C-alpha atoms as a PDB file:
ATOM      1  CA  GLY A   1    -112.453  17.596   2.928  1.00  0.00           C
ATOM      2  CA  GLY A   2    -112.515  16.149   6.826  1.00  0.00           C
ATOM      3  CA  PHE A   3    -109.718  15.314   9.491  1.00  0.00           C
ATOM      4  CA  LYS A   4    -105.725  14.664   8.292  1.00  0.00           C
ATOM      5  CA  ALA A   5    -103.508  12.327  10.447  1.00  0.00           C
ATOM      6  CA  GLY A   6    -100.137  14.210  11.021  1.00  0.00           C
ATOM      7  CA  SER A   7     -96.916  13.048  10.570  1.00  0.00           C
ATOM      8  CA  GLY A   8     -95.285  12.340  14.456  1.00  0.00           C
ATOM      9  CA  GLY A   9     -96.803  12.782  18.034  1.00  0.00           C
ATOM     10  CA  TRP A  10     -96.583  10.550  21.586  1.00  0.00           C
ATOM     11  CA  CYS A  11     -98.467   7.677  19.482  1.00  0.00           C
ATOM     12  CA  GLY A  12     -97.422   8.327  16.127  1.00  0.00           C
ATOM     13  CA  GLY A  13     -99.101  10.518  13.150  1.00  0.00           C
ATOM     14  CA  GLY A  14    -102.492  11.080  13.763  1.00  0.00           C
ATOM     15  CA  ILE A  15    -105.651  13.236  14.864  1.00  0.00           C
ATOM     16  CA  TYR A  16    -105.228  13.503  19.008  1.00  0.00           C
ATOM     17  CA  PHE A  17    -107.796  14.750  21.143  1.00  0.00           C
ATOM     18  CA  ALA A  18    -108.277  16.144  24.903  1.00  0.00           C
ATOM     19  CA  THR A  19    -110.602  14.745  26.791  1.00  0.00           C
ATOM     20  CA  THR A  20    -111.693  18.665  28.398  1.00  0.00           C
ATOM     21  CA  ILE A  21    -111.182  22.137  26.809  1.00  0.00           C
ATOM     22  CA  ALA A  22    -109.334  22.578  30.088  1.00  0.00           C
ATOM     23  CA  ASP A  23    -106.999  20.184  28.981  1.00  0.00           C
ATOM     24  CA  THR A  24    -105.875  21.849  25.804  1.00  0.00           C
ATOM     25  CA  ASP A  25    -103.710  24.302  27.351  1.00  0.00           C
ATOM     26  CA  GLN A  26    -100.993  21.947  28.504  1.00  0.00           C
ATOM     27  CA  LYS A  27    -101.235  19.362  25.651  1.00  0.00           C
ATOM     28  CA  ALA A  28    -101.227  21.267  22.352  1.00  0.00           C
ATOM     29  CA  ILE A  29     -97.846  22.722  23.265  1.00  0.00           C
ATOM     30  CA  GLY A  30     -95.513  20.473  20.471  1.00  0.00           C
ATOM     31  CA  PRO A  31     -92.696  21.921  18.481  1.00  0.00           C
ATOM     32  CA  HIS A  32     -95.383  21.842  15.548  1.00  0.00           C
ATOM     33  CA  SER A  33     -98.758  23.190  17.778  1.00  0.00           C
ATOM     34  CA  HIS A  34    -100.027  26.095  16.437  1.00  0.00           C
ATOM     35  CA  THR A  35    -102.627  28.281  18.583  1.00  0.00           C
ATOM     36  CA  GLY A  36    -105.743  28.401  17.115  1.00  0.00           C
ATOM     37  CA  PHE A  37    -109.200  27.004  17.039  1.00  0.00           C
ATOM     38  CA  ILE A  38    -111.376  24.404  19.702  1.00  0.00           C
ATOM     39  CA  ILE A  39    -113.922  22.440  18.231  1.00  0.00           C
ATOM     40  CA  VAL A  40    -115.788  20.642  20.664  1.00  0.00           C
ATOM     41  CA  ALA A  41    -117.123  17.475  19.336  1.00  0.00           C
ATOM     42  CA  THR A  42    -118.569  14.012  20.149  1.00  0.00           C
ATOM     43  CA  VAL A  43    -115.772  11.186  18.866  1.00  0.00           C
ATOM     44  CA  ASP A  44    -116.403   7.817  18.316  1.00  0.00           C
ATOM     45  CA  VAL A  45    -113.351   6.423  19.190  1.00  0.00           C
ATOM     46  CA  GLY A  46    -114.578   2.892  18.781  1.00  0.00           C
ATOM     47  CA  LYS A  47    -112.487  -0.490  20.480  1.00  0.00           C
ATOM     48  CA  VAL A  48    -109.818   1.485  22.523  1.00  0.00           C
ATOM     49  CA  LEU A  49    -106.489   0.211  22.884  1.00  0.00           C
ATOM     50  CA  HIS A  50    -104.767   1.324  26.512  1.00  0.00           C
ATOM     51  CA  LEU A  51    -100.776   2.316  26.421  1.00  0.00           C
ATOM     52  CA  ASN A  52     -99.095   3.269  28.586  1.00  0.00           C
ATOM     53  CA  LYS A  53     -97.343   6.878  28.916  1.00  0.00           C
ATOM     54  CA  THR A  54     -94.511   6.594  26.594  1.00  0.00           C
ATOM     55  CA  CYS A  55     -96.989   5.247  23.861  1.00  0.00           C
ATOM     56  CA  ASP A  56     -95.687   4.488  20.477  1.00  0.00           C
ATOM     57  CA  ARG A  57     -94.064   6.551  18.202  1.00  0.00           C
ATOM     58  CA  SER A  58     -94.184   4.487  15.201  1.00  0.00           C
ATOM     59  CA  MET A  59     -97.546   3.383  15.708  1.00  0.00           C
ATOM     60  CA  THR A  60     -99.425   3.903  12.343  1.00  0.00           C
ATOM     61  CA  GLY A  61    -103.390   2.961  11.520  1.00  0.00           C
ATOM     62  CA  LYS A  62    -102.538   0.177   9.738  1.00  0.00           C
ATOM     63  CA  LYS A  63    -100.611  -1.684  12.813  1.00  0.00           C
ATOM     64  CA  LEU A  64    -103.538  -0.517  15.028  1.00  0.00           C
ATOM     65  CA  ALA A  65    -106.370  -2.180  12.546  1.00  0.00           C
ATOM     66  CA  ARG A  66    -103.890  -5.121  12.391  1.00  0.00           C
ATOM     67  CA  ARG A  67    -104.331  -5.156  16.489  1.00  0.00           C
ATOM     68  CA  GLY A  68    -107.951  -4.767  15.942  1.00  0.00           C
ATOM     69  CA  TYR A  69    -108.278  -1.508  17.493  1.00  0.00           C
ATOM     70  CA  ASN A  70    -109.965   2.268  16.148  1.00  0.00           C
ATOM     71  CA  SER A  71    -107.565   4.428  18.773  1.00  0.00           C
ATOM     72  CA  ILE A  72    -105.467   4.722  21.440  1.00  0.00           C
ATOM     73  CA  VAL A  73    -105.658   6.059  24.826  1.00  0.00           C
ATOM     74  CA  PHE A  74    -102.621   7.049  26.852  1.00  0.00           C
ATOM     75  CA  ASN A  75    -101.616   9.432  29.640  1.00  0.00           C
ATOM     76  CA  PRO A  76     -98.237  11.229  29.226  1.00  0.00           C
ATOM     77  CA  GLY A  77     -98.858  12.378  32.722  1.00  0.00           C
ATOM     78  CA  ASP A  78    -100.882  15.369  32.862  1.00  0.00           C
ATOM     79  CA  GLY A  79    -104.140  13.419  31.357  1.00  0.00           C
ATOM     80  CA  ASP A  80    -105.151  11.353  29.481  1.00  0.00           C
ATOM     81  CA  GLU A  81    -105.058  11.394  25.567  1.00  0.00           C
ATOM     82  CA  HIS A  82    -107.142  10.071  22.822  1.00  0.00           C
END
């Protein structure tokens, strides 16, 4: 069970969270995104790496951990994403 990381995205394969429900109208719009459900959750993001608006499409969980971080926040121009 549980969440499974995707295979690609602004910051590589991962599980992406918007900070508000309204943000999902603009953010869940990639070529492989689907309409569906909104899950309201409290997420422990751990130690956060702040990246610029282009993030790093080659990022992996292992690379992130080697740098001493648990998650990423970036703003592609339409608000923060985690």
